[in-house]
Amino acid sequence: MKHEVIVEYEIDSEKVFRFTEWVDAALTEELVSQRCEVNVLVANNEAIHAINLEMRQVDKPTDVLSFPMFSLIPGEPPDKTLADPETGLVPLGDIVISLEQAAAQAEEYGHSSEHELAYLTVHSVLHLLGYDHLDEGEQKREMRKREKEIMEKINV
């Protein structure tokens, strides 16, 4: 199933990344059968820093921010009651990714920027679907497990 993924580049980028494919893969692996809409904003450290400060009162840049539209339960896909009546799409929320931070982390972890961006996209989609990792317990383990399974499927 193809979901509506709206990708906006706030910065100049010579490369176009496969955000739509990665969002679709994560939603498919999470068995989301209702068509969804996800917005992805590709930014630099300065822009994500400003958003992080405004929205979370955290005064530093980060790699990815997730802004879910609904409080969903992990593993329970959204249903049609959440769909916008005009579009028929469930508006899951917004993702903001810093290309700069992703590139720095890719270098630090020894893999490609594409791999890091795919991981951050999958990670953020899981947040939109209700997953969290604030505790060091079961929620974090389940989220990490799902990230790994989805990353294996998308074969980046």
N, C-alpha and C. Protein backbone atom coordinates (compact mmCIF):
# COMPACT_ATOMS: atom_id res chain seq x y z
N MET A 1 0.85 -1.18 0.00
CA MET A 1 0.00 0.00 0.00
C MET A 1 0.89 1.24 0.00
N LYS A 2 0.53 2.17 -0.81
CA LYS A 2 1.29 3.42 -0.86
C LYS A 2 0.62 4.45 0.03
N HIS A 3 1.42 5.00 0.88
CA HIS A 3 0.95 6.06 1.76
C HIS A 3 1.34 7.40 1.16
N GLU A 4 0.75 8.46 1.64
CA GLU A 4 1.07 9.81 1.18
C GLU A 4 2.20 10.34 2.05
N VAL A 5 3.38 10.45 1.47
CA VAL A 5 4.55 10.95 2.19
C VAL A 5 4.97 12.24 1.50
N ILE A 6 4.88 13.31 2.25
CA ILE A 6 5.21 14.63 1.71
C ILE A 6 6.58 15.01 2.25
N VAL A 7 7.56 15.09 1.36
CA VAL A 7 8.94 15.39 1.75
C VAL A 7 9.26 16.80 1.29
N GLU A 8 9.72 17.59 2.24
CA GLU A 8 10.11 18.97 1.93
C GLU A 8 11.56 19.16 2.37
N TYR A 9 12.38 19.64 1.46
CA TYR A 9 13.78 19.94 1.78
C TYR A 9 13.88 21.41 2.12
N GLU A 10 14.21 21.69 3.37
CA GLU A 10 14.38 23.08 3.81
C GLU A 10 15.77 23.59 3.43
N ILE A 11 16.63 22.67 3.06
CA ILE A 11 18.01 23.02 2.71
C ILE A 11 18.30 22.50 1.30
N ASP A 12 19.35 23.04 0.71
CA ASP A 12 19.79 22.53 -0.58
C ASP A 12 20.45 21.18 -0.37
N SER A 13 20.06 20.23 -1.18
CA SER A 13 20.66 18.90 -1.11
C SER A 13 20.89 18.41 -2.53
N GLU A 14 22.10 17.98 -2.79
CA GLU A 14 22.42 17.46 -4.12
C GLU A 14 21.79 16.09 -4.32
N LYS A 15 21.50 15.42 -3.23
CA LYS A 15 20.96 14.07 -3.31
C LYS A 15 19.52 14.05 -2.80
N VAL A 16 18.71 13.25 -3.46
CA VAL A 16 17.34 13.02 -3.01
C VAL A 16 17.33 11.65 -2.35
N PHE A 17 16.85 11.59 -1.14
CA PHE A 17 16.85 10.34 -0.39
C PHE A 17 15.49 9.65 -0.51
N ARG A 18 15.44 8.39 -0.11
CA ARG A 18 14.26 7.54 -0.32
C ARG A 18 13.32 7.55 0.89
N PHE A 19 13.00 8.73 1.39
CA PHE A 19 12.15 8.84 2.57
C PHE A 19 10.80 8.18 2.36
N THR A 20 10.19 8.36 1.19
CA THR A 20 8.88 7.78 0.92
C THR A 20 8.95 6.25 1.03
N GLU A 21 9.96 5.67 0.42
CA GLU A 21 10.14 4.22 0.47
C GLU A 21 10.31 3.73 1.91
N TRP A 22 11.10 4.45 2.70
CA TRP A 22 11.37 4.04 4.08
C TRP A 22 10.13 4.17 4.96
N VAL A 23 9.37 5.24 4.78
CA VAL A 23 8.13 5.41 5.54
C VAL A 23 7.16 4.30 5.17
N ASP A 24 6.99 4.06 3.87
CA ASP A 24 6.10 2.99 3.41
C ASP A 24 6.49 1.64 4.00
N ALA A 25 7.78 1.35 3.99
CA ALA A 25 8.26 0.06 4.51
C ALA A 25 7.95 -0.08 6.00
N ALA A 26 8.20 0.97 6.76
CA ALA A 26 7.93 0.91 8.20
C ALA A 26 6.44 0.71 8.47
N LEU A 27 5.60 1.43 7.74
CA LEU A 27 4.16 1.30 7.94
C LEU A 27 3.67 -0.09 7.50
N THR A 28 4.22 -0.60 6.42
CA THR A 28 3.86 -1.95 5.96
C THR A 28 4.25 -3.00 6.99
N GLU A 29 5.46 -2.89 7.51
CA GLU A 29 5.94 -3.86 8.50
C GLU A 29 5.15 -3.77 9.80
N GLU A 30 4.57 -2.62 10.08
CA GLU A 30 3.74 -2.45 11.27
C GLU A 30 2.27 -2.81 10.98
N LEU A 31 2.03 -3.36 9.79
CA LEU A 31 0.70 -3.85 9.39
C LEU A 31 -0.35 -2.74 9.37
N VAL A 32 0.07 -1.55 8.97
CA VAL A 32 -0.86 -0.43 8.84
C VAL A 32 -1.59 -0.59 7.52
N SER A 33 -2.88 -0.89 7.59
CA SER A 33 -3.66 -1.13 6.38
C SER A 33 -4.42 0.11 5.92
N GLN A 34 -4.63 1.04 6.82
CA GLN A 34 -5.30 2.30 6.47
C GLN A 34 -4.27 3.23 5.84
N ARG A 35 -4.58 3.83 4.69
CA ARG A 35 -3.63 4.77 4.07
C ARG A 35 -3.39 5.95 5.00
N CYS A 36 -2.12 6.31 5.13
CA CYS A 36 -1.71 7.38 6.06
C CYS A 36 -0.98 8.48 5.32
N GLU A 37 -0.91 9.62 5.99
CA GLU A 37 -0.12 10.75 5.51
C GLU A 37 0.95 11.04 6.55
N VAL A 38 2.19 11.19 6.06
CA VAL A 38 3.32 11.55 6.91
C VAL A 38 4.07 12.68 6.23
N ASN A 39 4.40 13.71 7.00
CA ASN A 39 5.18 14.83 6.48
C ASN A 39 6.62 14.70 6.97
N VAL A 40 7.57 14.85 6.04
CA VAL A 40 8.99 14.78 6.39
C VAL A 40 9.64 16.09 6.00
N LEU A 41 10.25 16.75 6.97
CA LEU A 41 11.00 17.97 6.71
C LEU A 41 12.48 17.65 6.87
N VAL A 42 13.25 17.87 5.82
CA VAL A 42 14.69 17.64 5.84
C VAL A 42 15.36 18.99 6.10
N ALA A 43 16.10 19.06 7.20
CA ALA A 43 16.63 20.34 7.67
C ALA A 43 18.13 20.24 7.95
N ASN A 44 18.70 21.36 8.39
CA ASN A 44 20.08 21.36 8.87
C ASN A 44 20.06 21.48 10.40
N ASN A 45 21.23 21.49 11.00
CA ASN A 45 21.31 21.55 12.47
C ASN A 45 20.70 22.83 13.03
N GLU A 46 20.89 23.93 12.34
CA GLU A 46 20.36 25.20 12.83
C GLU A 46 18.83 25.16 12.90
N ALA A 47 18.20 24.65 11.86
CA ALA A 47 16.73 24.59 11.81
C ALA A 47 16.18 23.61 12.84
N ILE A 48 16.78 22.43 12.94
CA ILE A 48 16.26 21.45 13.90
C ILE A 48 16.51 21.91 15.34
N HIS A 49 17.60 22.65 15.55
CA HIS A 49 17.87 23.22 16.87
C HIS A 49 16.74 24.17 17.26
N ALA A 50 16.36 25.04 16.33
CA ALA A 50 15.28 26.01 16.61
C ALA A 50 13.97 25.29 16.91
N ILE A 51 13.67 24.25 16.16
CA ILE A 51 12.43 23.49 16.39
C ILE A 51 12.50 22.76 17.72
N ASN A 52 13.64 22.17 18.02
CA ASN A 52 13.83 21.45 19.28
C ASN A 52 13.66 22.39 20.47
N LEU A 53 14.19 23.59 20.35
CA LEU A 53 14.07 24.58 21.43
C LEU A 53 12.62 25.03 21.59
N GLU A 54 11.97 25.33 20.47
CA GLU A 54 10.59 25.82 20.53
C GLU A 54 9.61 24.75 21.03
N MET A 55 9.74 23.54 20.53
CA MET A 55 8.75 22.50 20.81
C MET A 55 9.05 21.67 22.05
N ARG A 56 10.34 21.52 22.38
CA ARG A 56 10.70 20.64 23.49
C ARG A 56 11.51 21.35 24.58
N GLN A 57 11.83 22.62 24.36
CA GLN A 57 12.64 23.41 25.28
C GLN A 57 14.02 22.77 25.50
N VAL A 58 14.54 22.13 24.44
CA VAL A 58 15.87 21.53 24.47
C VAL A 58 16.75 22.38 23.56
N ASP A 59 17.78 23.01 24.16
CA ASP A 59 18.58 24.02 23.46
C ASP A 59 19.79 23.40 22.77
N LYS A 60 19.54 22.51 21.82
CA LYS A 60 20.61 21.91 21.03
C LYS A 60 20.00 21.23 19.81
N PRO A 61 20.82 21.03 18.79
CA PRO A 61 20.32 20.27 17.64
C PRO A 61 20.18 18.80 18.00
N THR A 62 19.42 18.08 17.21
CA THR A 62 19.24 16.64 17.39
C THR A 62 19.18 16.01 16.01
N ASP A 63 19.11 14.70 15.96
CA ASP A 63 19.08 14.02 14.67
C ASP A 63 17.70 13.99 14.04
N VAL A 64 16.68 13.66 14.85
CA VAL A 64 15.33 13.54 14.32
C VAL A 64 14.32 13.91 15.39
N LEU A 65 13.24 14.53 14.97
CA LEU A 65 12.12 14.85 15.85
C LEU A 65 10.86 14.25 15.26
N SER A 66 10.01 13.75 16.12
CA SER A 66 8.74 13.16 15.69
C SER A 66 7.61 13.89 16.39
N PHE A 67 6.61 14.25 15.62
CA PHE A 67 5.44 14.94 16.16
C PHE A 67 4.18 14.17 15.77
N PRO A 68 3.81 13.17 16.60
CA PRO A 68 2.63 12.37 16.27
C PRO A 68 1.34 13.17 16.39
N MET A 69 0.41 12.85 15.51
CA MET A 69 -0.89 13.50 15.53
C MET A 69 -1.81 12.87 16.57
N PHE A 70 -1.59 11.58 16.85
CA PHE A 70 -2.45 10.84 17.77
C PHE A 70 -1.60 10.10 18.79
N SER A 71 -2.18 9.75 19.91
CA SER A 71 -1.54 8.90 20.91
C SER A 71 -1.96 7.46 20.61
N LEU A 72 -1.13 6.79 19.84
CA LEU A 72 -1.45 5.42 19.44
C LEU A 72 -0.77 4.42 20.36
N ILE A 73 -1.25 3.20 20.33
CA ILE A 73 -0.67 2.12 21.12
C ILE A 73 0.27 1.33 20.22
N PRO A 74 1.54 1.15 20.63
CA PRO A 74 2.50 0.41 19.79
C PRO A 74 1.94 -0.95 19.40
N GLY A 75 2.10 -1.28 18.12
CA GLY A 75 1.64 -2.57 17.63
C GLY A 75 0.17 -2.60 17.25
N GLU A 76 -0.54 -1.50 17.50
CA GLU A 76 -1.96 -1.41 17.12
C GLU A 76 -2.09 -0.30 16.07
N PRO A 77 -2.17 -0.69 14.81
CA PRO A 77 -2.23 0.31 13.73
C PRO A 77 -3.45 1.22 13.85
N PRO A 78 -3.34 2.43 13.33
CA PRO A 78 -4.49 3.34 13.35
C PRO A 78 -5.61 2.78 12.47
N ASP A 79 -6.83 3.09 12.83
CA ASP A 79 -7.94 2.61 12.01
C ASP A 79 -8.60 3.77 11.27
N LYS A 80 -9.60 3.43 10.47
CA LYS A 80 -10.23 4.42 9.60
C LYS A 80 -10.97 5.52 10.34
N THR A 81 -11.27 5.31 11.61
CA THR A 81 -11.97 6.37 12.36
C THR A 81 -11.10 7.61 12.53
N LEU A 82 -9.79 7.45 12.37
CA LEU A 82 -8.86 8.58 12.50
C LEU A 82 -8.62 9.30 11.18
N ALA A 83 -9.18 8.77 10.10
CA ALA A 83 -8.94 9.34 8.77
C ALA A 83 -9.60 10.70 8.61
N ASP A 84 -8.93 11.55 7.87
CA ASP A 84 -9.49 12.83 7.48
C ASP A 84 -10.63 12.55 6.51
N PRO A 85 -11.84 13.05 6.79
CA PRO A 85 -12.97 12.74 5.91
C PRO A 85 -12.80 13.25 4.48
N GLU A 86 -12.02 14.30 4.30
CA GLU A 86 -11.83 14.85 2.95
C GLU A 86 -10.85 14.03 2.12
N THR A 87 -9.80 13.49 2.76
CA THR A 87 -8.77 12.78 2.01
C THR A 87 -8.84 11.26 2.18
N GLY A 88 -9.44 10.81 3.26
CA GLY A 88 -9.46 9.39 3.57
C GLY A 88 -8.15 8.89 4.16
N LEU A 89 -7.21 9.80 4.38
CA LEU A 89 -5.90 9.45 4.92
C LEU A 89 -5.85 9.71 6.42
N VAL A 90 -5.15 8.85 7.14
CA VAL A 90 -4.89 9.10 8.56
C VAL A 90 -3.64 9.97 8.65
N PRO A 91 -3.76 11.20 9.16
CA PRO A 91 -2.58 12.07 9.29
C PRO A 91 -1.76 11.64 10.51
N LEU A 92 -0.73 10.84 10.28
CA LEU A 92 0.05 10.30 11.41
C LEU A 92 0.87 11.37 12.14
N GLY A 93 1.42 12.32 11.38
CA GLY A 93 2.22 13.36 12.02
C GLY A 93 3.38 13.80 11.17
N ASP A 94 4.32 14.46 11.84
CA ASP A 94 5.46 15.09 11.17
C ASP A 94 6.77 14.53 11.67
N ILE A 95 7.74 14.47 10.76
CA ILE A 95 9.10 14.05 11.05
C ILE A 95 10.02 15.19 10.59
N VAL A 96 10.99 15.55 11.42
CA VAL A 96 12.02 16.52 11.04
C VAL A 96 13.36 15.81 11.21
N ILE A 97 14.16 15.80 10.14
CA ILE A 97 15.46 15.11 10.16
C ILE A 97 16.55 16.10 9.78
N SER A 98 17.64 16.10 10.54
CA SER A 98 18.80 16.93 10.22
C SER A 98 19.78 16.13 9.37
N LEU A 99 19.98 16.57 8.13
CA LEU A 99 20.98 15.92 7.27
C LEU A 99 22.38 16.03 7.86
N GLU A 100 22.68 17.17 8.46
CA GLU A 100 24.01 17.37 9.06
C GLU A 100 24.26 16.38 10.20
N GLN A 101 23.30 16.27 11.09
CA GLN A 101 23.46 15.38 12.24
C GLN A 101 23.51 13.93 11.79
N ALA A 102 22.69 13.58 10.81
CA ALA A 102 22.69 12.21 10.29
C ALA A 102 24.04 11.87 9.67
N ALA A 103 24.62 12.81 8.93
CA ALA A 103 25.94 12.57 8.32
C ALA A 103 27.01 12.39 9.39
N ALA A 104 26.97 13.21 10.42
CA ALA A 104 27.95 13.08 11.51
C ALA A 104 27.80 11.74 12.23
N GLN A 105 26.57 11.32 12.47
CA GLN A 105 26.34 10.04 13.14
C GLN A 105 26.74 8.87 12.25
N ALA A 106 26.49 8.98 10.96
CA ALA A 106 26.88 7.92 10.03
C ALA A 106 28.40 7.72 10.08
N GLU A 107 29.12 8.83 10.08
CA GLU A 107 30.58 8.74 10.17
C GLU A 107 31.01 8.13 11.50
N GLU A 108 30.38 8.57 12.58
CA GLU A 108 30.71 8.05 13.91
C GLU A 108 30.45 6.55 14.01
N TYR A 109 29.33 6.08 13.43
CA TYR A 109 28.96 4.67 13.53
C TYR A 109 29.56 3.81 12.43
N GLY A 110 30.20 4.45 11.45
CA GLY A 110 30.87 3.69 10.40
C GLY A 110 29.95 3.11 9.34
N HIS A 111 28.86 3.80 9.05
CA HIS A 111 28.03 3.36 7.93
C HIS A 111 27.65 4.57 7.09
N SER A 112 26.88 4.35 6.03
CA SER A 112 26.55 5.41 5.09
C SER A 112 25.51 6.38 5.65
N SER A 113 25.49 7.56 5.08
CA SER A 113 24.44 8.54 5.44
C SER A 113 23.07 7.98 5.08
N GLU A 114 22.98 7.26 3.96
CA GLU A 114 21.70 6.67 3.58
C GLU A 114 21.21 5.69 4.65
N HIS A 115 22.10 4.87 5.17
CA HIS A 115 21.73 3.93 6.23
C HIS A 115 21.22 4.70 7.46
N GLU A 116 21.93 5.73 7.84
CA GLU A 116 21.54 6.51 9.03
C GLU A 116 20.19 7.19 8.81
N LEU A 117 19.98 7.77 7.64
CA LEU A 117 18.71 8.43 7.35
C LEU A 117 17.56 7.43 7.31
N ALA A 118 17.80 6.24 6.78
CA ALA A 118 16.77 5.20 6.77
C ALA A 118 16.42 4.81 8.20
N TYR A 119 17.45 4.61 9.02
CA TYR A 119 17.22 4.25 10.42
C TYR A 119 16.43 5.34 11.15
N LEU A 120 16.84 6.59 10.98
CA LEU A 120 16.15 7.69 11.66
C LEU A 120 14.70 7.81 11.18
N THR A 121 14.45 7.54 9.92
CA THR A 121 13.09 7.58 9.39
C THR A 121 12.24 6.48 10.01
N VAL A 122 12.77 5.26 10.03
CA VAL A 122 12.06 4.13 10.64
C VAL A 122 11.80 4.42 12.11
N HIS A 123 12.82 4.89 12.81
CA HIS A 123 12.71 5.23 14.22
C HIS A 123 11.57 6.24 14.45
N SER A 124 11.54 7.26 13.61
CA SER A 124 10.54 8.31 13.77
C SER A 124 9.13 7.82 13.43
N VAL A 125 9.00 6.99 12.40
CA VAL A 125 7.69 6.43 12.07
C VAL A 125 7.17 5.61 13.25
N LEU A 126 8.05 4.86 13.89
CA LEU A 126 7.62 4.08 15.06
C LEU A 126 7.12 5.00 16.17
N HIS A 127 7.78 6.15 16.34
CA HIS A 127 7.27 7.13 17.32
C HIS A 127 5.86 7.59 16.93
N LEU A 128 5.65 7.85 15.63
CA LEU A 128 4.33 8.29 15.18
C LEU A 128 3.27 7.22 15.46
N LEU A 129 3.71 5.97 15.52
CA LEU A 129 2.80 4.86 15.77
C LEU A 129 2.70 4.49 17.25
N GLY A 130 3.26 5.33 18.12
CA GLY A 130 3.09 5.14 19.55
C GLY A 130 4.25 4.51 20.30
N TYR A 131 5.28 4.08 19.58
CA TYR A 131 6.44 3.49 20.26
C TYR A 131 7.23 4.58 20.97
N ASP A 132 7.89 4.20 22.06
CA ASP A 132 8.71 5.15 22.81
C ASP A 132 9.91 4.42 23.39
N HIS A 133 10.91 5.17 23.79
CA HIS A 133 12.11 4.57 24.36
C HIS A 133 12.63 5.39 25.54
N LEU A 134 11.74 6.13 26.18
CA LEU A 134 12.16 6.98 27.30
C LEU A 134 12.63 6.16 28.50
N ASP A 135 12.00 5.01 28.69
CA ASP A 135 12.47 4.16 29.78
C ASP A 135 13.56 3.22 29.24
N GLU A 136 14.27 2.59 30.10
CA GLU A 136 15.31 1.65 29.68
C GLU A 136 14.77 0.22 29.73
N GLY A 137 13.46 0.08 29.78
CA GLY A 137 12.85 -1.23 29.96
C GLY A 137 12.25 -1.81 28.71
N GLU A 138 11.09 -2.41 28.88
CA GLU A 138 10.43 -3.17 27.83
C GLU A 138 10.09 -2.33 26.60
N GLN A 139 9.62 -1.09 26.81
CA GLN A 139 9.26 -0.24 25.66
C GLN A 139 10.46 -0.02 24.75
N LYS A 140 11.59 0.28 25.34
CA LYS A 140 12.80 0.53 24.54
C LYS A 140 13.23 -0.75 23.82
N ARG A 141 13.19 -1.88 24.51
CA ARG A 141 13.57 -3.15 23.89
C ARG A 141 12.66 -3.47 22.70
N GLU A 142 11.36 -3.26 22.88
CA GLU A 142 10.42 -3.54 21.79
C GLU A 142 10.66 -2.61 20.61
N MET A 143 10.91 -1.32 20.88
CA MET A 143 11.16 -0.39 19.79
C MET A 143 12.43 -0.76 19.04
N ARG A 144 13.49 -1.07 19.75
CA ARG A 144 14.77 -1.45 19.11
C ARG A 144 14.60 -2.72 18.28
N LYS A 145 13.82 -3.66 18.79
CA LYS A 145 13.55 -4.91 18.07
C LYS A 145 12.85 -4.62 16.76
N ARG A 146 11.81 -3.79 16.80
CA ARG A 146 11.07 -3.45 15.59
C ARG A 146 11.95 -2.68 14.61
N GLU A 147 12.78 -1.76 15.11
CA GLU A 147 13.70 -1.02 14.22
C GLU A 147 14.60 -2.00 13.46
N LYS A 148 15.17 -2.93 14.18
CA LYS A 148 16.08 -3.90 13.57
C LYS A 148 15.35 -4.74 12.52
N GLU A 149 14.17 -5.22 12.85
CA GLU A 149 13.40 -6.04 11.90
C GLU A 149 13.05 -5.26 10.64
N ILE A 150 12.64 -4.03 10.80
CA ILE A 150 12.26 -3.21 9.65
C ILE A 150 13.50 -2.87 8.81
N MET A 151 14.60 -2.53 9.47
CA MET A 151 15.84 -2.22 8.73
C MET A 151 16.32 -3.42 7.91
N GLU A 152 16.15 -4.62 8.45
CA GLU A 152 16.52 -5.82 7.69
C GLU A 152 15.64 -5.96 6.46
N LYS A 153 14.37 -5.61 6.57
CA LYS A 153 13.44 -5.71 5.44
C LYS A 153 13.76 -4.71 4.34
N ILE A 154 14.16 -3.50 4.72
CA ILE A 154 14.41 -2.49 3.69
C ILE A 154 15.81 -2.62 3.09
N ASN A 155 16.65 -3.41 3.74
CA ASN A 155 17.94 -3.80 3.14
C ASN A 155 18.78 -2.61 2.68
N VAL A 156 18.98 -1.66 3.57
CA VAL A 156 19.81 -0.50 3.24
C VAL A 156 21.26 -0.87 3.46
